[in-house]
Amino acid sequence: MRTNVIIKEATPEDAKQITYVRRKTGLTTYPNRNEGIITKEDIEASFAKRTIEEESEARAQRIADISDTHIWVAKKRDILVGFIEAMKGPDKDDNKIRSFYILSQYQHQGIGTALMEEALKWLGGEKQVSCEVASYNKDAIRFYKKFGFEENGLTTNSVAELASGAKIAEIEVVKYPIV
């Protein structure tokens, strides 16, 4: 179903397009008037903490320098339509899906599945893998459950605090190791 979409490891040159996808998807995912009255302006203000260039440069450095973090991208022609960032940690509970975004018009086409499969293959099954997801993002929660993740309760991630004082309620989902 993911016609003409290629999944590959990210290069530093992909960083700016990854930043674009993260910000564009964040604007469609996180505003929620029912959960703490999170507005589009809240999300835009959170992006204003760093310029696109600053965020892109930091990501390019992670791609180039850090061997415990990998990013895969989904591209349709030369357009980056989604990405996943995974991190291996030193302890049993440290493997994480750090970021996972797909432009809304490319969701439900198998792209997320292909990206998740790459990340989980790289992380292996010996350690648990966790991720934080907006508690009201029911589609994402269902998606993670499809891969064996289980809800593990609310988190208190300071990244989810917004300038207005509103907070994105997040839950942790965990995929436990294969025994």
Foldseek 3Di string as FASTA:
>chain_A
DQPQKDKDWDALVCLLLALVQVLQQCLVPFQDCVAQRRHSVQSVQLCVVDDSVRRSVVVNCCCPPPPQKTKMFIDRPNHTFWMWMWGADPDQAPTETEDTGGRPVSPPVCPSVVRVVVRDVVNDQAGKYKYKDQPPRVVVVVVVVVVQWDWDAWDDDPSQQTPVRGGRTITMTMRGGDD
